[in-house]
Every structure is written in structure tokens, then in C-alpha cells.
């Protein structure tokens, strides 16, 4: 019984981490080409994006191992479009909103 609770908590924290990383990578990628007049910061932003993609890859692999019975996450698909996350179920809006709220709070903390 303790294992199931720990597993759920670990999965929830991993889900939040994945959403925050995806949002951060997308935001940095947009910011990279938004400022056209100066490119001094571009190498730093690219480096940070590479670091976050590495962390995201590990998190996605860990999620796929932890929850094998759900849809397998693919890094390219996650970063290419607005993904309907497998953990967001249509009948459970409160859970999805909580996860979105945690992701939003994480992004705002970075700013």
C-alpha cells in the first residue's frame, strides 16, 4: 500500500516536471528568434535548451518505464505541437487543472 502511494506521488512529480520542461523549452525557443537585433545571448539560450532537452529525455524515458500501460511519450511529438497529455483524462478536469497550475507556477518561478 505504501508502494502505490509513493509510486503515484513519484508519477505526479514526474508529470509536473515534464510539463514544466516542455513549456520552458518552447518558451526559450521562441525567445531565441524573437530578439533579432542582438545575438550575444543566443549561444547561452541554445546551451540551456540542450541541457533542458537532455533532462526532458531522461524524464520521458523514466515516465515510459514507470507507466508502461499508457501511451508512450515521444520527445519529438511533445516538442512539435500542443500535446494532449496521456495523464489528462477528459472526465477529470480538476486533476488536469492542478497539473497545469503547477506547471504555470514553475514557469513563473523561473521568470
PDB file of N, CA and C in Angstrom:
ATOM      1  N   UNK A   1       0.815  -1.193   0.000  1.00  0.00           N
ATOM      2  CA  UNK A   1       0.000   0.000   0.000  1.00  0.00           C
ATOM      3  C   UNK A   1       0.857   1.254   0.000  1.00  0.00           C
ATOM      4  N   UNK A   2       1.955   1.252   0.722  1.00  0.00           N
ATOM      5  CA  UNK A   2       2.863   2.386   0.745  1.00  0.00           C
ATOM      6  C   UNK A   2       3.519   2.552  -0.623  1.00  0.00           C
ATOM      7  N   UNK A   3       3.814   1.443  -1.296  1.00  0.00           N
ATOM      8  CA  UNK A   3       4.435   1.493  -2.606  1.00  0.00           C
ATOM      9  C   UNK A   3       3.531   2.174  -3.629  1.00  0.00           C
ATOM     10  N   UNK A   4       2.255   1.891  -3.584  1.00  0.00           N
ATOM     11  CA  UNK A   4       1.316   2.507  -4.526  1.00  0.00           C
ATOM     12  C   UNK A   4       1.240   4.008  -4.308  1.00  0.00           C
ATOM     13  N   UNK A   5       1.227   4.451  -3.059  1.00  0.00           N
ATOM     14  CA  UNK A   5       1.190   5.882  -2.757  1.00  0.00           C
ATOM     15  C   UNK A   5       2.466   6.570  -3.216  1.00  0.00           C
ATOM     16  N   UNK A   6       3.595   5.956  -2.939  1.00  0.00           N
ATOM     17  CA  UNK A   6       4.868   6.524  -3.359  1.00  0.00           C
ATOM     18  C   UNK A   6       4.947   6.581  -4.879  1.00  0.00           C
ATOM     19  N   UNK A   7       4.497   5.533  -5.541  1.00  0.00           N
ATOM     20  CA  UNK A   7       4.523   5.483  -6.996  1.00  0.00           C
ATOM     21  C   UNK A   7       3.650   6.584  -7.603  1.00  0.00           C
ATOM     22  N   UNK A   8       2.471   6.804  -7.033  1.00  0.00           N
ATOM     23  CA  UNK A   8       1.581   7.844  -7.524  1.00  0.00           C
ATOM     24  C   UNK A   8       2.198   9.215  -7.319  1.00  0.00           C
ATOM     25  N   UNK A   9       2.805   9.427  -6.165  1.00  0.00           N
ATOM     26  CA  UNK A   9       3.457  10.702  -5.880  1.00  0.00           C
ATOM     27  C   UNK A   9       4.636  10.923  -6.822  1.00  0.00           C
ATOM     28  N   UNK A  10       5.429   9.879  -7.041  1.00  0.00           N
ATOM     29  CA  UNK A  10       6.562   9.986  -7.959  1.00  0.00           C
ATOM     30  C   UNK A  10       6.091  10.289  -9.373  1.00  0.00           C
ATOM     31  N   UNK A  11       5.025   9.620  -9.793  1.00  0.00           N
ATOM     32  CA  UNK A  11       4.486   9.845 -11.131  1.00  0.00           C
ATOM     33  C   UNK A  11       3.960  11.268 -11.269  1.00  0.00           C
ATOM     34  N   UNK A  12       3.252  11.748 -10.260  1.00  0.00           N
ATOM     35  CA  UNK A  12       2.727  13.117 -10.298  1.00  0.00           C
ATOM     36  C   UNK A  12       3.846  14.144 -10.379  1.00  0.00           C
ATOM     37  N   UNK A  13       4.900  13.947  -9.600  1.00  0.00           N
ATOM     38  CA  UNK A  13       6.013  14.902  -9.647  1.00  0.00           C
ATOM     39  C   UNK A  13       6.730  14.834 -10.988  1.00  0.00           C
ATOM     40  N   UNK A  14       6.845  13.642 -11.558  1.00  0.00           N
ATOM     41  CA  UNK A  14       7.480  13.487 -12.864  1.00  0.00           C
ATOM     42  C   UNK A  14       6.640  14.130 -13.961  1.00  0.00           C
ATOM     43  N   UNK A  15       5.323  13.978 -13.876  1.00  0.00           N
ATOM     44  CA  UNK A  15       4.411  14.592 -14.836  1.00  0.00           C
ATOM     45  C   UNK A  15       4.553  16.113 -14.789  1.00  0.00           C
ATOM     46  N   UNK A  16       4.572  16.662 -13.598  1.00  0.00           N
ATOM     47  CA  UNK A  16       4.753  18.110 -13.453  1.00  0.00           C
ATOM     48  C   UNK A  16       6.083  18.570 -14.011  1.00  0.00           C
ATOM     49  N   UNK A  17       7.122  17.798 -13.753  1.00  0.00           N
ATOM     50  CA  UNK A  17       8.465  18.129 -14.255  1.00  0.00           C
ATOM     51  C   UNK A  17       8.491  18.124 -15.788  1.00  0.00           C
ATOM     52  N   UNK A  18       7.858  17.133 -16.396  1.00  0.00           N
ATOM     53  CA  UNK A  18       7.825  17.049 -17.856  1.00  0.00           C
ATOM     54  C   UNK A  18       7.105  18.257 -18.438  1.00  0.00           C
ATOM     55  N   UNK A  19       5.962  18.609 -17.869  1.00  0.00           N
ATOM     56  CA  UNK A  19       5.210  19.755 -18.388  1.00  0.00           C
ATOM     57  C   UNK A  19       5.992  21.056 -18.248  1.00  0.00           C
ATOM     58  N   UNK A  20       6.662  21.231 -17.133  1.00  0.00           N
ATOM     59  CA  UNK A  20       7.449  22.450 -16.923  1.00  0.00           C
ATOM     60  C   UNK A  20       8.612  22.513 -17.909  1.00  0.00           C
ATOM     61  N   UNK A  21       9.286  21.397 -18.121  1.00  0.00           N
ATOM     62  CA  UNK A  21      10.408  21.376 -19.064  1.00  0.00           C
ATOM     63  C   UNK A  21       9.955  21.659 -20.493  1.00  0.00           C
ATOM     64  N   UNK A  22       8.839  21.069 -20.898  1.00  0.00           N
ATOM     65  CA  UNK A  22       8.336  21.307 -22.253  1.00  0.00           C
ATOM     66  C   UNK A  22       7.990  22.784 -22.434  1.00  0.00           C
ATOM     67  N   UNK A  23       7.307  23.347 -21.460  1.00  0.00           N
ATOM     68  CA  UNK A  23       6.940  24.767 -21.548  1.00  0.00           C
ATOM     69  C   UNK A  23       8.175  25.653 -21.574  1.00  0.00           C
ATOM     70  N   UNK A  24       9.170  25.316 -20.783  1.00  0.00           N
ATOM     71  CA  UNK A  24      10.400  26.106 -20.735  1.00  0.00           C
ATOM     72  C   UNK A  24      11.162  26.032 -22.057  1.00  0.00           C
ATOM     73  N   UNK A  25      11.266  24.836 -22.620  1.00  0.00           N
ATOM     74  CA  UNK A  25      11.977  24.674 -23.894  1.00  0.00           C
ATOM     75  C   UNK A  25      11.267  25.442 -25.001  1.00  0.00           C
ATOM     76  N   UNK A  26       9.942  25.345 -25.051  1.00  0.00           N
ATOM     77  CA  UNK A  26       9.195  26.071 -26.079  1.00  0.00           C
ATOM     78  C   UNK A  26       9.338  27.579 -25.911  1.00  0.00           C
ATOM     79  N   UNK A  27       9.296  28.040 -24.668  1.00  0.00           N
ATOM     80  CA  UNK A  27       9.427  29.475 -24.408  1.00  0.00           C
ATOM     81  C   UNK A  27      10.815  29.968 -24.804  1.00  0.00           C
ATOM     82  N   UNK A  28      11.850  29.225 -24.444  1.00  0.00           N
ATOM     83  CA  UNK A  28      13.218  29.625 -24.805  1.00  0.00           C
ATOM     84  C   UNK A  28      13.425  29.596 -26.316  1.00  0.00           C
ATOM     85  N   UNK A  29      12.842  28.605 -26.992  1.00  0.00           N
ATOM     86  CA  UNK A  29      12.981  28.521 -28.443  1.00  0.00           C
ATOM     87  C   UNK A  29      12.322  29.716 -29.128  1.00  0.00           C
ATOM     88  N   UNK A  30      11.177  30.133 -28.628  1.00  0.00           N
ATOM     89  CA  UNK A  30      10.518  31.310 -29.192  1.00  0.00           C
ATOM     90  C   UNK A  30      11.330  32.564 -28.916  1.00  0.00           C
ATOM     91  N   UNK A  31      11.886  32.655 -27.728  1.00  0.00           N
ATOM     92  CA  UNK A  31      12.670  33.827 -27.344  1.00  0.00           C
ATOM     93  C   UNK A  31      13.977  33.913 -28.140  1.00  0.00           C
ATOM     94  N   UNK A  32      14.484  32.781 -28.559  1.00  0.00           N
ATOM     95  CA  UNK A  32      15.746  32.729 -29.285  1.00  0.00           C
ATOM     96  C   UNK A  32      15.689  33.556 -30.561  1.00  0.00           C
ATOM     97  N   UNK A  33      14.585  33.493 -31.265  1.00  0.00           N
ATOM     98  CA  UNK A  33      14.480  34.199 -32.539  1.00  0.00           C
ATOM     99  C   UNK A  33      13.605  35.446 -32.466  1.00  0.00           C
ATOM    100  N   UNK A  34      13.103  35.748 -31.293  1.00  0.00           N
ATOM    101  CA  UNK A  34      12.287  36.948 -31.134  1.00  0.00           C
ATOM    102  C   UNK A  34      13.157  38.199 -31.195  1.00  0.00           C
ATOM    103  N   UNK A  35      14.281  38.158 -30.505  1.00  0.00           N
ATOM    104  CA  UNK A  35      15.187  39.304 -30.484  1.00  0.00           C
ATOM    105  C   UNK A  35      16.140  39.195 -31.673  1.00  0.00           C
ATOM    106  N   UNK A  36      15.888  39.972 -32.716  1.00  0.00           N
ATOM    107  CA  UNK A  36      16.705  39.865 -33.923  1.00  0.00           C
ATOM    108  C   UNK A  36      17.872  40.834 -33.924  1.00  0.00           C
ATOM    109  N   UNK A  37      17.848  41.884 -33.092  1.00  0.00           N
ATOM    110  CA  UNK A  37      18.892  42.885 -33.156  1.00  0.00           C
ATOM    111  C   UNK A  37      20.175  42.453 -32.454  1.00  0.00           C
ATOM    112  N   UNK A  38      20.143  41.556 -31.530  1.00  0.00           N
ATOM    113  CA  UNK A  38      21.367  41.139 -30.860  1.00  0.00           C
ATOM    114  C   UNK A  38      21.398  39.644 -30.686  1.00  0.00           C
ATOM    115  N   UNK A  39      22.542  39.063 -30.957  1.00  0.00           N
ATOM    116  CA  UNK A  39      22.608  37.608 -30.824  1.00  0.00           C
ATOM    117  C   UNK A  39      23.677  37.179 -29.824  1.00  0.00           C
ATOM    118  N   UNK A  40      24.050  38.058 -28.903  1.00  0.00           N
ATOM    119  CA  UNK A  40      25.013  37.681 -27.878  1.00  0.00           C
ATOM    120  C   UNK A  40      24.466  36.587 -26.964  1.00  0.00           C
ATOM    121  N   UNK A  41      23.194  36.639 -26.698  1.00  0.00           N
ATOM    122  CA  UNK A  41      22.593  35.678 -25.773  1.00  0.00           C
ATOM    123  C   UNK A  41      22.223  34.360 -26.446  1.00  0.00           C
ATOM    124  N   UNK A  42      22.262  34.298 -27.758  1.00  0.00           N
ATOM    125  CA  UNK A  42      21.833  33.087 -28.472  1.00  0.00           C
ATOM    126  C   UNK A  42      22.606  31.838 -28.051  1.00  0.00           C
ATOM    127  N   UNK A  43      23.943  31.877 -27.955  1.00  0.00           N
ATOM    128  CA  UNK A  43      24.651  30.653 -27.530  1.00  0.00           C
ATOM    129  C   UNK A  43      24.254  30.183 -26.128  1.00  0.00           C
ATOM    130  N   UNK A  44      24.026  31.113 -25.224  1.00  0.00           N
ATOM    131  CA  UNK A  44      23.614  30.739 -23.870  1.00  0.00           C
ATOM    132  C   UNK A  44      22.231  30.104 -23.888  1.00  0.00           C
ATOM    133  N   UNK A  45      21.319  30.677 -24.675  1.00  0.00           N
ATOM    134  CA  UNK A  45      19.962  30.146 -24.751  1.00  0.00           C
ATOM    135  C   UNK A  45      19.983  28.762 -25.389  1.00  0.00           C
ATOM    136  N   UNK A  46      20.778  28.596 -26.463  1.00  0.00           N
ATOM    137  CA  UNK A  46      20.873  27.281 -27.115  1.00  0.00           C
ATOM    138  C   UNK A  46      21.438  26.236 -26.164  1.00  0.00           C
ATOM    139  N   UNK A  47      22.428  26.619 -25.382  1.00  0.00           N
ATOM    140  CA  UNK A  47      23.030  25.704 -24.413  1.00  0.00           C
ATOM    141  C   UNK A  47      21.996  25.288 -23.367  1.00  0.00           C
ATOM    142  N   UNK A  48      21.231  26.239 -22.882  1.00  0.00           N
ATOM    143  CA  UNK A  48      20.200  25.944 -21.885  1.00  0.00           C
ATOM    144  C   UNK A  48      19.118  25.034 -22.481  1.00  0.00           C
ATOM    145  N   UNK A  49      18.756  25.278 -23.746  1.00  0.00           N
ATOM    146  CA  UNK A  49      17.768  24.420 -24.411  1.00  0.00           C
ATOM    147  C   UNK A  49      18.303  22.992 -24.520  1.00  0.00           C
ATOM    148  N   UNK A  50      19.579  22.836 -24.896  1.00  0.00           N
ATOM    149  CA  UNK A  50      20.174  21.496 -24.989  1.00  0.00           C
ATOM    150  C   UNK A  50      20.170  20.793 -23.635  1.00  0.00           C
ATOM    151  N   UNK A  51      20.520  21.529 -22.571  1.00  0.00           N
ATOM    152  CA  UNK A  51      20.510  20.946 -21.230  1.00  0.00           C
ATOM    153  C   UNK A  51      19.109  20.488 -20.843  1.00  0.00           C
ATOM    154  N   UNK A  52      18.126  21.348 -21.088  1.00  0.00           N
ATOM    155  CA  UNK A  52      16.749  21.009 -20.727  1.00  0.00           C
ATOM    156  C   UNK A  52      16.219  19.851 -21.565  1.00  0.00           C
ATOM    157  N   UNK A  53      16.614  19.773 -22.834  1.00  0.00           N
ATOM    158  CA  UNK A  53      16.186  18.644 -23.668  1.00  0.00           C
ATOM    159  C   UNK A  53      16.780  17.342 -23.152  1.00  0.00           C
ATOM    160  N   UNK A  54      18.013  17.382 -22.675  1.00  0.00           N
ATOM    161  CA  UNK A  54      18.622  16.188 -22.083  1.00  0.00           C
ATOM    162  C   UNK A  54      17.884  15.744 -20.833  1.00  0.00           C
ATOM    163  N   UNK A  55      17.553  16.696 -19.978  1.00  0.00           N
ATOM    164  CA  UNK A  55      16.797  16.384 -18.762  1.00  0.00           C
ATOM    165  C   UNK A  55      15.411  15.861 -19.129  1.00  0.00           C
ATOM    166  N   UNK A  56      14.784  16.490 -20.127  1.00  0.00           N
ATOM    167  CA  UNK A  56      13.457  16.061 -20.573  1.00  0.00           C
ATOM    168  C   UNK A  56      13.502  14.648 -21.145  1.00  0.00           C
ATOM    169  N   UNK A  57      14.533  14.327 -21.902  1.00  0.00           N
ATOM    170  CA  UNK A  57      14.671  12.979 -22.460  1.00  0.00           C
ATOM    171  C   UNK A  57      14.722  11.937 -21.343  1.00  0.00           C
ATOM    172  N   UNK A  58      15.502  12.225 -20.315  1.00  0.00           N
ATOM    173  CA  UNK A  58      15.590  11.301 -19.185  1.00  0.00           C
ATOM    174  C   UNK A  58      14.248  11.181 -18.458  1.00  0.00           C
ATOM    175  N   UNK A  59      13.561  12.301 -18.293  1.00  0.00           N
ATOM    176  CA  UNK A  59      12.266  12.290 -17.611  1.00  0.00           C
ATOM    177  C   UNK A  59      11.232  11.512 -18.416  1.00  0.00           C
ATOM    178  N   UNK A  60      11.234  11.677 -19.736  1.00  0.00           N
ATOM    179  CA  UNK A  60      10.284  10.948 -20.597  1.00  0.00           C
ATOM    180  C   UNK A  60      10.572   9.449 -20.541  1.00  0.00           C
ATOM    181  N   UNK A  61      11.846   9.076 -20.589  1.00  0.00           N
ATOM    182  CA  UNK A  61      12.195   7.655 -20.506  1.00  0.00           C
ATOM    183  C   UNK A  61      11.769   7.069 -19.160  1.00  0.00           C
ATOM    184  N   UNK A  62      11.980   7.833 -18.096  1.00  0.00           N
ATOM    185  CA  UNK A  62      11.581   7.372 -16.766  1.00  0.00           C
ATOM    186  C   UNK A  62      10.064   7.228 -16.681  1.00  0.00           C
ATOM    187  N   UNK A  63       9.325   8.185 -17.250  1.00  0.00           N
ATOM    188  CA  UNK A  63       7.857   8.105 -17.254  1.00  0.00           C
ATOM    189  C   UNK A  63       7.398   6.886 -18.037  1.00  0.00           C
ATOM    190  N   UNK A  64       7.992   6.639 -19.198  1.00  0.00           N
ATOM    191  CA  UNK A  64       7.596   5.488 -20.014  1.00  0.00           C
ATOM    192  C   UNK A  64       7.861   4.167 -19.281  1.00  0.00           C
ATOM    193  N   UNK A  65       8.929   4.123 -18.456  1.00  0.00           N
ATOM    194  CA  UNK A  65       9.190   2.919 -17.668  1.00  0.00           C
ATOM    195  C   UNK A  65       8.235   2.798 -16.488  1.00  0.00           C
ATOM    196  N   UNK A  66       7.884   3.923 -15.856  1.00  0.00           N
ATOM    197  CA  UNK A  66       7.025   3.898 -14.673  1.00  0.00           C
ATOM    198  C   UNK A  66       5.579   3.562 -15.017  1.00  0.00           C
ATOM    199  N   UNK A  67       5.110   4.037 -16.170  1.00  0.00           N
ATOM    200  CA  UNK A  67       3.710   3.848 -16.552  1.00  0.00           C
ATOM    201  C   UNK A  67       3.664   3.162 -17.916  1.00  0.00           C
ATOM    202  N   UNK A  68       3.968   1.867 -17.956  1.00  0.00           N
ATOM    203  CA  UNK A  68       4.023   1.182 -19.254  1.00  0.00           C
ATOM    204  C   UNK A  68       2.667   0.935 -19.898  1.00  0.00           C
ATOM    205  N   UNK A  69       1.583   1.021 -19.131  1.00  0.00           N
ATOM    206  CA  UNK A  69       0.274   0.699 -19.684  1.00  0.00           C
ATOM    207  C   UNK A  69      -0.414   1.883 -20.363  1.00  0.00           C
ATOM    208  N   UNK A  70       0.211   3.060 -20.360  1.00  0.00           N
ATOM    209  CA  UNK A  70      -0.366   4.221 -21.037  1.00  0.00           C
ATOM    210  C   UNK A  70       0.351   4.456 -22.353  1.00  0.00           C
ATOM    211  N   UNK A  71      -0.070   5.484 -23.051  1.00  0.00           N
ATOM    212  CA  UNK A  71       0.544   5.846 -24.326  1.00  0.00           C
ATOM    213  C   UNK A  71       2.008   6.234 -24.090  1.00  0.00           C
ATOM    214  N   UNK A  72       2.887   5.745 -24.924  1.00  0.00           N
ATOM    215  CA  UNK A  72       4.312   6.047 -24.795  1.00  0.00           C
ATOM    216  C   UNK A  72       4.556   7.468 -25.292  1.00  0.00           C
ATOM    217  N   UNK A  73       5.264   8.244 -24.483  1.00  0.00           N
ATOM    218  CA  UNK A  73       5.590   9.617 -24.868  1.00  0.00           C
ATOM    219  C   UNK A  73       6.776   9.624 -25.811  1.00  0.00           C
ATOM    220  N   UNK A  74       6.731  10.487 -26.791  1.00  0.00           N
ATOM    221  CA  UNK A  74       7.815  10.646 -27.758  1.00  0.00           C
ATOM    222  C   UNK A  74       8.285  12.097 -27.687  1.00  0.00           C
ATOM    223  N   UNK A  75       9.580  12.302 -27.519  1.00  0.00           N
ATOM    224  CA  UNK A  75      10.135  13.638 -27.320  1.00  0.00           C
ATOM    225  C   UNK A  75       9.838  14.563 -28.496  1.00  0.00           C
ATOM    226  N   UNK A  76       9.984  14.075 -29.718  1.00  0.00           N
ATOM    227  CA  UNK A  76       9.748  14.909 -30.897  1.00  0.00           C
ATOM    228  C   UNK A  76       8.293  15.356 -30.981  1.00  0.00           C
ATOM    229  N   UNK A  77       7.376  14.449 -30.664  1.00  0.00           N
ATOM    230  CA  UNK A  77       5.956  14.781 -30.715  1.00  0.00           C
ATOM    231  C   UNK A  77       5.593  15.797 -29.630  1.00  0.00           C
ATOM    232  N   UNK A  78       6.177  15.635 -28.468  1.00  0.00           N
ATOM    233  CA  UNK A  78       5.904  16.557 -27.361  1.00  0.00           C
ATOM    234  C   UNK A  78       6.318  17.977 -27.726  1.00  0.00           C
ATOM    235  N   UNK A  79       7.492  18.119 -28.314  1.00  0.00           N
ATOM    236  CA  UNK A  79       8.026  19.447 -28.612  1.00  0.00           C
ATOM    237  C   UNK A  79       7.475  20.038 -29.898  1.00  0.00           C
ATOM    238  N   UNK A  80       6.874  19.220 -30.772  1.00  0.00           N
ATOM    239  CA  UNK A  80       6.436  19.731 -32.062  1.00  0.00           C
ATOM    240  C   UNK A  80       5.083  20.436 -32.017  1.00  0.00           C
ATOM    241  N   UNK A  81       4.176  19.987 -31.170  1.00  0.00           N
ATOM    242  CA  UNK A  81       2.844  20.584 -31.163  1.00  0.00           C
ATOM    243  C   UNK A  81       2.281  20.593 -29.756  1.00  0.00           C
ATOM    244  N   UNK A  82       1.062  21.128 -29.645  1.00  0.00           N
ATOM    245  CA  UNK A  82       0.376  21.097 -28.360  1.00  0.00           C
ATOM    246  C   UNK A  82      -0.158  19.694 -28.140  1.00  0.00           C
ATOM    247  N   UNK A  83       0.418  19.040 -27.173  1.00  0.00           N
ATOM    248  CA  UNK A  83       0.115  17.640 -26.930  1.00  0.00           C
ATOM    249  C   UNK A  83      -1.008  17.500 -25.921  1.00  0.00           C
ATOM    250  N   UNK A  84      -1.903  16.579 -26.183  1.00  0.00           N
ATOM    251  CA  UNK A  84      -2.872  16.177 -25.170  1.00  0.00           C
ATOM    252  C   UNK A  84      -2.175  15.112 -24.336  1.00  0.00           C
ATOM    253  N   UNK A  85      -1.801  15.462 -23.148  1.00  0.00           N
ATOM    254  CA  UNK A  85      -1.028  14.560 -22.302  1.00  0.00           C
ATOM    255  C   UNK A  85      -1.849  13.330 -21.944  1.00  0.00           C
ATOM    256  N   UNK A  86      -1.219  12.168 -21.918  1.00  0.00           N
ATOM    257  CA  UNK A  86      -1.959  10.947 -21.587  1.00  0.00           C
ATOM    258  C   UNK A  86      -2.515  10.959 -20.164  1.00  0.00           C
ATOM    259  N   UNK A  87      -1.919  11.711 -19.273  1.00  0.00           N
ATOM    260  CA  UNK A  87      -2.380  11.747 -17.885  1.00  0.00           C
ATOM    261  C   UNK A  87      -3.541  12.713 -17.680  1.00  0.00           C
ATOM    262  N   UNK A  88      -3.895  13.472 -18.690  1.00  0.00           N
ATOM    263  CA  UNK A  88      -5.055  14.354 -18.586  1.00  0.00           C
ATOM    264  C   UNK A  88      -6.255  13.627 -19.159  1.00  0.00           C
ATOM    265  N   UNK A  89      -7.137  13.230 -18.296  1.00  0.00           N
ATOM    266  CA  UNK A  89      -8.304  12.474 -18.729  1.00  0.00           C
ATOM    267  C   UNK A  89      -9.486  13.420 -18.859  1.00  0.00           C
ATOM    268  N   UNK A  90     -10.336  13.236 -19.876  1.00  0.00           N
ATOM    269  CA  UNK A  90     -11.445  14.152 -20.110  1.00  0.00           C
ATOM    270  C   UNK A  90     -12.424  14.261 -18.950  1.00  0.00           C
ATOM    271  N   UNK A  91     -12.633  13.193 -18.197  1.00  0.00           N
ATOM    272  CA  UNK A  91     -13.599  13.230 -17.109  1.00  0.00           C
ATOM    273  C   UNK A  91     -13.027  13.809 -15.825  1.00  0.00           C
ATOM    274  N   UNK A  92     -11.749  14.081 -15.797  1.00  0.00           N
ATOM    275  CA  UNK A  92     -11.090  14.525 -14.573  1.00  0.00           C
ATOM    276  C   UNK A  92     -10.431  15.879 -14.801  1.00  0.00           C
ATOM    277  N   UNK A  93     -11.228  16.939 -14.906  1.00  0.00           N
ATOM    278  CA  UNK A  93     -10.690  18.268 -15.162  1.00  0.00           C
ATOM    279  C   UNK A  93      -9.917  18.825 -13.982  1.00  0.00           C
ATOM    280  N   UNK A  94     -10.296  18.492 -12.777  1.00  0.00           N
ATOM    281  CA  UNK A  94      -9.621  19.044 -11.613  1.00  0.00           C
ATOM    282  C   UNK A  94      -8.176  18.571 -11.536  1.00  0.00           C
ATOM    283  N   UNK A  95      -7.893  17.329 -11.918  1.00  0.00           N
ATOM    284  CA  UNK A  95      -6.528  16.818 -11.907  1.00  0.00           C
ATOM    285  C   UNK A  95      -5.705  17.537 -12.969  1.00  0.00           C
ATOM    286  N   UNK A  96      -6.269  17.696 -14.167  1.00  0.00           N
ATOM    287  CA  UNK A  96      -5.561  18.388 -15.250  1.00  0.00           C
ATOM    288  C   UNK A  96      -5.276  19.828 -14.891  1.00  0.00           C
ATOM    289  N   UNK A  97      -6.235  20.499 -14.263  1.00  0.00           N
ATOM    290  CA  UNK A  97      -6.025  21.885 -13.863  1.00  0.00           C
ATOM    291  C   UNK A  97      -4.960  21.999 -12.793  1.00  0.00           C
ATOM    292  N   UNK A  98      -4.906  21.048 -11.874  1.00  0.00           N
ATOM    293  CA  UNK A  98      -3.889  21.067 -10.835  1.00  0.00           C
ATOM    294  C   UNK A  98      -2.506  20.925 -11.448  1.00  0.00           C
ATOM    295  N   UNK A  99      -2.365  20.019 -12.400  1.00  0.00           N
ATOM    296  CA  UNK A  99      -1.074  19.814 -13.056  1.00  0.00           C
ATOM    297  C   UNK A  99      -0.693  21.053 -13.858  1.00  0.00           C
ATOM    298  N   UNK A 100      -1.668  21.625 -14.569  1.00  0.00           N
ATOM    299  CA  UNK A 100      -1.388  22.838 -15.332  1.00  0.00           C
ATOM    300  C   UNK A 100      -0.999  23.979 -14.407  1.00  0.00           C
ATOM    301  N   UNK A 101      -1.653  24.058 -13.263  1.00  0.00           N
ATOM    302  CA  UNK A 101      -1.350  25.115 -12.309  1.00  0.00           C
ATOM    303  C   UNK A 101       0.077  24.970 -11.779  1.00  0.00           C
ATOM    304  N   UNK A 102       0.480  23.722 -11.473  1.00  0.00           N
ATOM    305  CA  UNK A 102       1.847  23.504 -11.001  1.00  0.00           C
ATOM    306  C   UNK A 102       2.855  23.856 -12.089  1.00  0.00           C
ATOM    307  N   UNK A 103       2.561  23.517 -13.345  1.00  0.00           N
ATOM    308  CA  UNK A 103       3.461  23.859 -14.447  1.00  0.00           C
ATOM    309  C   UNK A 103       3.556  25.372 -14.599  1.00  0.00           C
ATOM    310  N   UNK A 104       2.428  26.060 -14.519  1.00  0.00           N
ATOM    311  CA  UNK A 104       2.416  27.514 -14.615  1.00  0.00           C
ATOM    312  C   UNK A 104       3.212  28.139 -13.475  1.00  0.00           C
ATOM    313  N   UNK A 105       3.027  27.647 -12.251  1.00  0.00           N
ATOM    314  CA  UNK A 105       3.765  28.163 -11.106  1.00  0.00           C
ATOM    315  C   UNK A 105       5.266  27.959 -11.283  1.00  0.00           C
ATOM    316  N   UNK A 106       5.646  26.815 -11.843  1.00  0.00           N
ATOM    317  CA  UNK A 106       7.072  26.547 -12.083  1.00  0.00           C
ATOM    318  C   UNK A 106       7.658  27.498 -13.101  1.00  0.00           C
ATOM    319  N   UNK A 107       6.907  27.798 -14.156  1.00  0.00           N
ATOM    320  CA  UNK A 107       7.387  28.720 -15.185  1.00  0.00           C
ATOM    321  C   UNK A 107       7.504  30.128 -14.625  1.00  0.00           C
ATOM    322  N   UNK A 108       6.519  30.521 -13.846  1.00  0.00           N
ATOM    323  CA  UNK A 108       6.553  31.869 -13.264  1.00  0.00           C
ATOM    324  C   UNK A 108       7.685  31.999 -12.249  1.00  0.00           C
ATOM    325  N   UNK A 109       8.037  30.919 -11.589  1.00  0.00           N
ATOM    326  CA  UNK A 109       9.155  30.952 -10.643  1.00  0.00           C
ATOM    327  C   UNK A 109      10.475  31.164 -11.379  1.00  0.00           C
ATOM    328  N   UNK A 110      10.575  30.628 -12.599  1.00  0.00           N
ATOM    329  CA  UNK A 110      11.788  30.805 -13.403  1.00  0.00           C
ATOM    330  C   UNK A 110      11.944  32.257 -13.816  1.00  0.00           C
ATOM    331  N   UNK A 111      10.824  32.890 -14.148  1.00  0.00           N
ATOM    332  CA  UNK A 111      10.862  34.286 -14.576  1.00  0.00           C
ATOM    333  C   UNK A 111      11.234  35.160 -13.409  1.00  0.00           C
TER     334      UNK A 111
END
